[in-house]
């Protein structure tokens, strides 16, 4: 199974949606809560400049945020990424 990481904050409705989608599909993930400015800077570097949360990584590949995750799911590509 793929390694899934979700970078979140506690006040983000899109973070909740992303986690709900993953839970509905029974995809295990590691949540990484962004609480400090240093963590946000490190995330921006890893996410190639993106500043918003959630930021989702599958097998260390940044896929973007909730909309990107939902799009992958709708196209069937999310299942392929999780298996591979």
Protein backbone atom coordinates (compact mmCIF):
# COMPACT_ATOMS: atom_id res chain seq x y z
CA UNK A 1 0.00 0.00 0.00
CA UNK A 2 1.17 3.51 -0.76
CA UNK A 3 2.49 5.95 1.81
CA UNK A 4 0.02 8.85 2.07
CA UNK A 5 0.76 12.06 3.98
CA UNK A 6 -1.72 14.88 4.51
CA UNK A 7 -0.48 18.24 5.76
CA UNK A 8 -3.28 20.07 7.54
CA UNK A 9 -4.32 22.78 9.97
CA UNK A 10 -7.06 22.47 12.55
CA UNK A 11 -9.25 25.17 10.97
CA UNK A 12 -9.31 24.02 7.34
CA UNK A 13 -12.57 22.67 5.83
CA UNK A 14 -10.72 21.32 2.77
CA UNK A 15 -8.46 19.34 5.08
CA UNK A 16 -11.54 17.73 6.61
CA UNK A 17 -12.88 16.90 3.14
CA UNK A 18 -9.59 15.35 2.04
CA UNK A 19 -9.36 13.20 5.17
CA UNK A 20 -13.01 12.15 4.78
CA UNK A 21 -12.42 11.09 1.17
CA UNK A 22 -9.40 9.02 2.19
CA UNK A 23 -11.33 7.43 5.07
CA UNK A 24 -14.29 6.54 2.81
CA UNK A 25 -11.87 4.76 0.47
CA UNK A 26 -10.14 3.01 3.41
CA UNK A 27 -6.83 4.64 2.54
CA UNK A 28 -4.52 4.91 5.52
CA UNK A 29 -2.71 8.23 5.83
CA UNK A 30 -0.42 10.09 8.17
CA UNK A 31 -1.69 13.52 9.18
CA UNK A 32 0.93 16.20 9.72
CA UNK A 33 -0.49 19.21 11.52
CA UNK A 34 1.08 22.54 10.58
CA UNK A 35 1.36 24.60 13.75
CA UNK A 36 4.46 26.76 13.33
CA UNK A 37 5.77 29.12 10.68
CA UNK A 38 8.87 26.94 10.30
CA UNK A 39 6.68 23.92 9.47
CA UNK A 40 4.79 25.96 6.88
CA UNK A 41 8.03 27.10 5.24
CA UNK A 42 9.29 23.50 5.10
CA UNK A 43 5.97 22.41 3.59
CA UNK A 44 6.13 25.14 0.92
CA UNK A 45 9.58 23.94 -0.06
CA UNK A 46 8.42 20.33 -0.25
CA UNK A 47 5.19 21.26 -2.08
CA UNK A 48 7.10 23.31 -4.65
CA UNK A 49 5.89 26.69 -3.46
CA UNK A 50 2.26 25.87 -2.74
CA UNK A 51 1.09 27.67 0.37
CA UNK A 52 -2.34 26.23 1.05
CA UNK A 53 -3.45 23.20 3.02
CA UNK A 54 -4.15 20.45 2.68
CA UNK A 55 -1.11 19.33 0.77
CA UNK A 56 -1.23 15.64 -0.04
CA UNK A 57 1.69 13.40 -0.92
CA UNK A 58 1.43 9.83 -2.20
CA UNK A 59 4.73 7.94 -2.09
CA UNK A 60 6.51 11.29 -1.66
CA UNK A 61 4.92 12.70 -4.83
CA UNK A 62 2.98 15.92 -4.26
CA UNK A 63 -0.47 15.65 -5.76
CA UNK A 64 -1.82 18.99 -4.50
CA UNK A 65 -4.84 19.72 -2.35
CA UNK A 66 -8.37 18.46 -1.89
CA UNK A 67 -9.59 19.41 -5.38
CA UNK A 68 -6.67 17.53 -6.92
CA UNK A 69 -7.34 14.50 -4.72
CA UNK A 70 -11.04 14.50 -5.63
CA UNK A 71 -10.18 14.81 -9.32
CA UNK A 72 -7.81 11.84 -9.10
CA UNK A 73 -10.54 9.85 -7.39
CA UNK A 74 -13.17 10.75 -9.98
CA UNK A 75 -10.87 9.69 -12.82
CA UNK A 76 -9.92 6.38 -11.15
CA UNK A 77 -6.26 7.40 -10.98
CA UNK A 78 -6.23 7.59 -7.18
CA UNK A 79 -6.84 3.84 -6.91
CA UNK A 80 -3.97 3.21 -9.33
CA UNK A 81 -1.62 5.44 -7.33
CA UNK A 82 -2.51 3.74 -4.06
CA UNK A 83 -1.95 0.25 -5.46
CA UNK A 84 1.27 1.13 -7.23
